[in-house]
Amino acid sequence: MVQKTNSHQVELKGDLLMIRDKTGNILRATTVPVWNAIERANETVARILEWEAKAQREIVTQVLKSKK
């Protein structure tokens, strides 16, 4: 199972959960219990989306401050 966000990819293979960047480099890999793997993958995607949104808001805030 592979789920993509704007700048990351969460990949689940059996009990191995991997987070990759756009170029395919593994940023983090961990094993998860098989009975909980899909839920953990979905939680990871949600956290990454939240982090990306926060980073985007901070960039916009910095740009707006620099234009003042």
PDB file of N, CA and C in Angstrom:
ATOM      1  N   MET A   1       0.851  -1.172   0.000  1.00  0.00           N
ATOM      2  CA  MET A   1       0.000   0.000   0.000  1.00  0.00           C
ATOM      3  C   MET A   1       0.902   1.243   0.000  1.00  0.00           C
ATOM      4  N   VAL A   2       0.616   2.154  -0.893  1.00  0.00           N
ATOM      5  CA  VAL A   2       1.383   3.400  -0.988  1.00  0.00           C
ATOM      6  C   VAL A   2       0.403   4.560  -0.964  1.00  0.00           C
ATOM      7  N   GLN A   3       0.671   5.531  -0.087  1.00  0.00           N
ATOM      8  CA  GLN A   3      -0.117   6.761  -0.036  1.00  0.00           C
ATOM      9  C   GLN A   3       0.840   7.926  -0.202  1.00  0.00           C
ATOM     10  N   LYS A   4       0.442   8.895  -1.037  1.00  0.00           N
ATOM     11  CA  LYS A   4       1.317  10.030  -1.320  1.00  0.00           C
ATOM     12  C   LYS A   4       0.723  11.313  -0.760  1.00  0.00           C
ATOM     13  N   THR A   5       1.608  12.190  -0.304  1.00  0.00           N
ATOM     14  CA  THR A   5       1.235  13.544   0.087  1.00  0.00           C
ATOM     15  C   THR A   5       1.958  14.475  -0.885  1.00  0.00           C
ATOM     16  N   ASN A   6       1.977  15.763  -0.576  1.00  0.00           N
ATOM     17  CA  ASN A   6       2.644  16.715  -1.467  1.00  0.00           C
ATOM     18  C   ASN A   6       4.133  16.433  -1.624  1.00  0.00           C
ATOM     19  N   SER A   7       4.799  16.105  -0.533  1.00  0.00           N
ATOM     20  CA  SER A   7       6.244  15.941  -0.620  1.00  0.00           C
ATOM     21  C   SER A   7       6.756  14.627  -0.034  1.00  0.00           C
ATOM     22  N   HIS A   8       5.860  13.741   0.365  1.00  0.00           N
ATOM     23  CA  HIS A   8       6.276  12.477   0.959  1.00  0.00           C
ATOM     24  C   HIS A   8       5.447  11.325   0.408  1.00  0.00           C
ATOM     25  N   GLN A   9       5.943  10.140   0.668  1.00  0.00           N
ATOM     26  CA  GLN A   9       5.248   8.927   0.280  1.00  0.00           C
ATOM     27  C   GLN A   9       5.324   7.965   1.461  1.00  0.00           C
ATOM     28  N   VAL A  10       4.172   7.444   1.886  1.00  0.00           N
ATOM     29  CA  VAL A  10       4.129   6.470   2.967  1.00  0.00           C
ATOM     30  C   VAL A  10       3.856   5.113   2.326  1.00  0.00           C
ATOM     31  N   GLU A  11       4.746   4.188   2.595  1.00  0.00           N
ATOM     32  CA  GLU A  11       4.669   2.876   1.961  1.00  0.00           C
ATOM     33  C   GLU A  11       4.587   1.798   3.039  1.00  0.00           C
ATOM     34  N   LEU A  12       3.636   0.903   2.887  1.00  0.00           N
ATOM     35  CA  LEU A  12       3.448  -0.190   3.830  1.00  0.00           C
ATOM     36  C   LEU A  12       3.626  -1.509   3.088  1.00  0.00           C
ATOM     37  N   LYS A  13       4.608  -2.282   3.514  1.00  0.00           N
ATOM     38  CA  LYS A  13       4.858  -3.612   2.930  1.00  0.00           C
ATOM     39  C   LYS A  13       4.861  -4.611   4.082  1.00  0.00           C
ATOM     40  N   GLY A  14       3.765  -5.334   4.225  1.00  0.00           N
ATOM     41  CA  GLY A  14       3.654  -6.281   5.334  1.00  0.00           C
ATOM     42  C   GLY A  14       3.654  -5.543   6.654  1.00  0.00           C
ATOM     43  N   ASP A  15       4.706  -5.721   7.444  1.00  0.00           N
ATOM     44  CA  ASP A  15       4.795  -5.019   8.721  1.00  0.00           C
ATOM     45  C   ASP A  15       5.828  -3.887   8.692  1.00  0.00           C
ATOM     46  N   LEU A  16       6.343  -3.549   7.518  1.00  0.00           N
ATOM     47  CA  LEU A  16       7.340  -2.490   7.373  1.00  0.00           C
ATOM     48  C   LEU A  16       6.676  -1.210   6.872  1.00  0.00           C
ATOM     49  N   LEU A  17       6.774  -0.157   7.662  1.00  0.00           N
ATOM     50  CA  LEU A  17       6.210   1.150   7.334  1.00  0.00           C
ATOM     51  C   LEU A  17       7.363   2.093   7.007  1.00  0.00           C
ATOM     52  N   MET A  18       7.364   2.643   5.787  1.00  0.00           N
ATOM     53  CA  MET A  18       8.448   3.515   5.345  1.00  0.00           C
ATOM     54  C   MET A  18       7.911   4.873   4.933  1.00  0.00           C
ATOM     55  N   ILE A  19       8.669   5.903   5.259  1.00  0.00           N
ATOM     56  CA  ILE A  19       8.374   7.259   4.801  1.00  0.00           C
ATOM     57  C   ILE A  19       9.500   7.644   3.855  1.00  0.00           C
ATOM     58  N   ARG A  20       9.121   8.030   2.639  1.00  0.00           N
ATOM     59  CA  ARG A  20      10.103   8.411   1.621  1.00  0.00           C
ATOM     60  C   ARG A  20       9.866   9.860   1.197  1.00  0.00           C
ATOM     61  N   ASP A  21      10.940  10.505   0.717  1.00  0.00           N
ATOM     62  CA  ASP A  21      10.786  11.841   0.155  1.00  0.00           C
ATOM     63  C   ASP A  21      10.423  11.725  -1.319  1.00  0.00           C
ATOM     64  N   LYS A  22      10.332  12.864  -2.007  1.00  0.00           N
ATOM     65  CA  LYS A  22       9.930  12.867  -3.419  1.00  0.00           C
ATOM     66  C   LYS A  22      10.871  12.073  -4.313  1.00  0.00           C
ATOM     67  N   THR A  23      12.146  12.045  -3.962  1.00  0.00           N
ATOM     68  CA  THR A  23      13.121  11.364  -4.797  1.00  0.00           C
ATOM     69  C   THR A  23      13.243   9.875  -4.469  1.00  0.00           C
ATOM     70  N   GLY A  24      12.493   9.403  -3.481  1.00  0.00           N
ATOM     71  CA  GLY A  24      12.496   7.991  -3.136  1.00  0.00           C
ATOM     72  C   GLY A  24      13.439   7.608  -2.021  1.00  0.00           C
ATOM     73  N   ASN A  25      14.135   8.579  -1.442  1.00  0.00           N
ATOM     74  CA  ASN A  25      15.026   8.285  -0.321  1.00  0.00           C
ATOM     75  C   ASN A  25      14.204   7.938   0.916  1.00  0.00           C
ATOM     76  N   ILE A  26      14.618   6.920   1.629  1.00  0.00           N
ATOM     77  CA  ILE A  26      13.907   6.537   2.848  1.00  0.00           C
ATOM     78  C   ILE A  26      14.302   7.492   3.965  1.00  0.00           C
ATOM     79  N   LEU A  27      13.312   8.176   4.527  1.00  0.00           N
ATOM     80  CA  LEU A  27      13.556   9.080   5.635  1.00  0.00           C
ATOM     81  C   LEU A  27      13.417   8.363   6.964  1.00  0.00           C
ATOM     82  N   ARG A  28      12.479   7.415   7.004  1.00  0.00           N
ATOM     83  CA  ARG A  28      12.257   6.662   8.230  1.00  0.00           C
ATOM     84  C   ARG A  28      11.598   5.333   7.878  1.00  0.00           C
ATOM     85  N   ALA A  29      12.007   4.295   8.555  1.00  0.00           N
ATOM     86  CA  ALA A  29      11.398   2.979   8.372  1.00  0.00           C
ATOM     87  C   ALA A  29      11.249   2.345   9.743  1.00  0.00           C
ATOM     88  N   THR A  30      10.123   1.721   9.956  1.00  0.00           N
ATOM     89  CA  THR A  30       9.870   1.068  11.232  1.00  0.00           C
ATOM     90  C   THR A  30       8.956  -0.127  11.015  1.00  0.00           C
ATOM     91  N   THR A  31       9.038  -1.075  11.914  1.00  0.00           N
ATOM     92  CA  THR A  31       8.120  -2.207  11.842  1.00  0.00           C
ATOM     93  C   THR A  31       6.935  -1.922  12.745  1.00  0.00           C
ATOM     94  N   VAL A  32       5.781  -2.358  12.310  1.00  0.00           N
ATOM     95  CA  VAL A  32       4.550  -2.174  13.073  1.00  0.00           C
ATOM     96  C   VAL A  32       3.847  -3.523  13.167  1.00  0.00           C
ATOM     97  N   PRO A  33       3.016  -3.702  14.204  1.00  0.00           N
ATOM     98  CA  PRO A  33       2.266  -4.959  14.288  1.00  0.00           C
ATOM     99  C   PRO A  33       1.353  -5.113  13.075  1.00  0.00           C
ATOM    100  N   VAL A  34       1.324  -6.294  12.495  1.00  0.00           N
ATOM    101  CA  VAL A  34       0.543  -6.529  11.283  1.00  0.00           C
ATOM    102  C   VAL A  34      -0.931  -6.216  11.507  1.00  0.00           C
ATOM    103  N   TRP A  35      -1.459  -6.551  12.671  1.00  0.00           N
ATOM    104  CA  TRP A  35      -2.880  -6.316  12.947  1.00  0.00           C
ATOM    105  C   TRP A  35      -3.214  -4.833  13.020  1.00  0.00           C
ATOM    106  N   ASN A  36      -2.210  -3.975  13.145  1.00  0.00           N
ATOM    107  CA  ASN A  36      -2.413  -2.535  13.299  1.00  0.00           C
ATOM    108  C   ASN A  36      -1.750  -1.742  12.174  1.00  0.00           C
ATOM    109  N   ALA A  37      -1.247  -2.412  11.161  1.00  0.00           N
ATOM    110  CA  ALA A  37      -0.402  -1.764  10.155  1.00  0.00           C
ATOM    111  C   ALA A  37      -1.150  -0.714   9.334  1.00  0.00           C
ATOM    112  N   ILE A  38      -2.332  -1.029   8.852  1.00  0.00           N
ATOM    113  CA  ILE A  38      -3.069  -0.079   8.004  1.00  0.00           C
ATOM    114  C   ILE A  38      -3.462   1.163   8.806  1.00  0.00           C
ATOM    115  N   GLU A  39      -3.902   0.960  10.035  1.00  0.00           N
ATOM    116  CA  GLU A  39      -4.261   2.098  10.886  1.00  0.00           C
ATOM    117  C   GLU A  39      -3.048   2.982  11.152  1.00  0.00           C
ATOM    118  N   ARG A  40      -1.903   2.383  11.434  1.00  0.00           N
ATOM    119  CA  ARG A  40      -0.684   3.153  11.675  1.00  0.00           C
ATOM    120  C   ARG A  40      -0.251   3.909  10.428  1.00  0.00           C
ATOM    121  N   ALA A  41      -0.390   3.296   9.258  1.00  0.00           N
ATOM    122  CA  ALA A  41      -0.037   3.967   8.008  1.00  0.00           C
ATOM    123  C   ALA A  41      -0.939   5.184   7.800  1.00  0.00           C
ATOM    124  N   ASN A  42      -2.229   5.019   8.028  1.00  0.00           N
ATOM    125  CA  ASN A  42      -3.162   6.142   7.872  1.00  0.00           C
ATOM    126  C   ASN A  42      -2.869   7.254   8.872  1.00  0.00           C
ATOM    127  N   GLU A  43      -2.523   6.895  10.114  1.00  0.00           N
ATOM    128  CA  GLU A  43      -2.158   7.899  11.114  1.00  0.00           C
ATOM    129  C   GLU A  43      -0.893   8.645  10.693  1.00  0.00           C
ATOM    130  N   THR A  44       0.055   7.923  10.134  1.00  0.00           N
ATOM    131  CA  THR A  44       1.301   8.541   9.682  1.00  0.00           C
ATOM    132  C   THR A  44       1.034   9.537   8.557  1.00  0.00           C
ATOM    133  N   VAL A  45       0.183   9.161   7.621  1.00  0.00           N
ATOM    134  CA  VAL A  45      -0.170  10.065   6.517  1.00  0.00           C
ATOM    135  C   VAL A  45      -0.846  11.314   7.078  1.00  0.00           C
ATOM    136  N   ALA A  46      -1.750  11.155   8.035  1.00  0.00           N
ATOM    137  CA  ALA A  46      -2.436  12.303   8.631  1.00  0.00           C
ATOM    138  C   ALA A  46      -1.445  13.234   9.323  1.00  0.00           C
ATOM    139  N   ARG A  47      -0.471  12.669  10.045  1.00  0.00           N
ATOM    140  CA  ARG A  47       0.533  13.503  10.719  1.00  0.00           C
ATOM    141  C   ARG A  47       1.398  14.246   9.704  1.00  0.00           C
ATOM    142  N   ILE A  48       1.773  13.576   8.615  1.00  0.00           N
ATOM    143  CA  ILE A  48       2.592  14.227   7.591  1.00  0.00           C
ATOM    144  C   ILE A  48       1.807  15.361   6.929  1.00  0.00           C
ATOM    145  N   LEU A  49       0.539  15.117   6.620  1.00  0.00           N
ATOM    146  CA  LEU A  49      -0.287  16.179   6.020  1.00  0.00           C
ATOM    147  C   LEU A  49      -0.408  17.378   6.954  1.00  0.00           C
ATOM    148  N   GLU A  50      -0.566  17.115   8.244  1.00  0.00           N
ATOM    149  CA  GLU A  50      -0.644  18.195   9.231  1.00  0.00           C
ATOM    150  C   GLU A  50       0.677  18.962   9.283  1.00  0.00           C
ATOM    151  N   TRP A  51       1.784  18.241   9.264  1.00  0.00           N
ATOM    152  CA  TRP A  51       3.098  18.875   9.297  1.00  0.00           C
ATOM    153  C   TRP A  51       3.332  19.717   8.043  1.00  0.00           C
ATOM    154  N   GLU A  52       2.958  19.191   6.882  1.00  0.00           N
ATOM    155  CA  GLU A  52       3.124  19.936   5.633  1.00  0.00           C
ATOM    156  C   GLU A  52       2.278  21.202   5.634  1.00  0.00           C
ATOM    157  N   ALA A  53       1.060  21.126   6.150  1.00  0.00           N
ATOM    158  CA  ALA A  53       0.196  22.306   6.209  1.00  0.00           C
ATOM    159  C   ALA A  53       0.790  23.360   7.139  1.00  0.00           C
ATOM    160  N   LYS A  54       1.323  22.921   8.266  1.00  0.00           N
ATOM    161  CA  LYS A  54       1.937  23.860   9.211  1.00  0.00           C
ATOM    162  C   LYS A  54       3.159  24.531   8.579  1.00  0.00           C
ATOM    163  N   ALA A  55       3.976  23.751   7.892  1.00  0.00           N
ATOM    164  CA  ALA A  55       5.162  24.305   7.238  1.00  0.00           C
ATOM    165  C   ALA A  55       4.761  25.315   6.165  1.00  0.00           C
ATOM    166  N   GLN A  56       3.708  25.013   5.420  1.00  0.00           N
ATOM    167  CA  GLN A  56       3.233  25.924   4.380  1.00  0.00           C
ATOM    168  C   GLN A  56       2.731  27.236   4.992  1.00  0.00           C
ATOM    169  N   ARG A  57       1.985  27.133   6.103  1.00  0.00           N
ATOM    170  CA  ARG A  57       1.499  28.347   6.778  1.00  0.00           C
ATOM    171  C   ARG A  57       2.657  29.208   7.260  1.00  0.00           C
ATOM    172  N   GLU A  58       3.709  28.561   7.802  1.00  0.00           N
ATOM    173  CA  GLU A  58       4.868  29.315   8.274  1.00  0.00           C
ATOM    174  C   GLU A  58       5.575  30.022   7.121  1.00  0.00           C
ATOM    175  N   ILE A  59       5.672  29.388   5.977  1.00  0.00           N
ATOM    176  CA  ILE A  59       6.302  30.011   4.808  1.00  0.00           C
ATOM    177  C   ILE A  59       5.495  31.220   4.358  1.00  0.00           C
ATOM    178  N   VAL A  60       4.184  31.080   4.299  1.00  0.00           N
ATOM    179  CA  VAL A  60       3.321  32.194   3.888  1.00  0.00           C
ATOM    180  C   VAL A  60       3.455  33.343   4.873  1.00  0.00           C
ATOM    181  N   THR A  61       3.485  33.025   6.164  1.00  0.00           N
ATOM    182  CA  THR A  61       3.623  34.066   7.190  1.00  0.00           C
ATOM    183  C   THR A  61       4.943  34.804   7.027  1.00  0.00           C
ATOM    184  N   GLN A  62       6.020  34.088   6.762  1.00  0.00           N
ATOM    185  CA  GLN A  62       7.324  34.720   6.584  1.00  0.00           C
ATOM    186  C   GLN A  62       7.344  35.612   5.354  1.00  0.00           C
ATOM    187  N   VAL A  63       6.721  35.177   4.279  1.00  0.00           N
ATOM    188  CA  VAL A  63       6.671  35.960   3.053  1.00  0.00           C
ATOM    189  C   VAL A  63       5.885  37.250   3.297  1.00  0.00           C
ATOM    190  N   LEU A  64       4.766  37.120   3.975  1.00  0.00           N
ATOM    191  CA  LEU A  64       3.951  38.302   4.245  1.00  0.00           C
ATOM    192  C   LEU A  64       4.672  39.289   5.152  1.00  0.00           C
ATOM    193  N   LYS A  65       5.402  38.799   6.131  1.00  0.00           N
ATOM    194  CA  LYS A  65       6.166  39.671   7.027  1.00  0.00           C
ATOM    195  C   LYS A  65       7.286  40.383   6.279  1.00  0.00           C
ATOM    196  N   SER A  66       7.896  39.688   5.341  1.00  0.00           N
ATOM    197  CA  SER A  66       9.014  40.290   4.613  1.00  0.00           C
ATOM    198  C   SER A  66       8.544  41.372   3.644  1.00  0.00           C
ATOM    199  N   LYS A  67       7.276  41.345   3.254  1.00  0.00           N
ATOM    200  CA  LYS A  67       6.743  42.348   2.326  1.00  0.00           C
ATOM    201  C   LYS A  67       6.307  43.620   3.043  1.00  0.00           C
ATOM    202  N   LYS A  68       6.256  43.596   4.362  1.00  0.00           N
ATOM    203  CA  LYS A  68       5.808  44.789   5.111  1.00  0.00           C
ATOM    204  C   LYS A  68       6.869  45.827   5.188  1.00  0.00           C
TER     205      LYS A  68
END
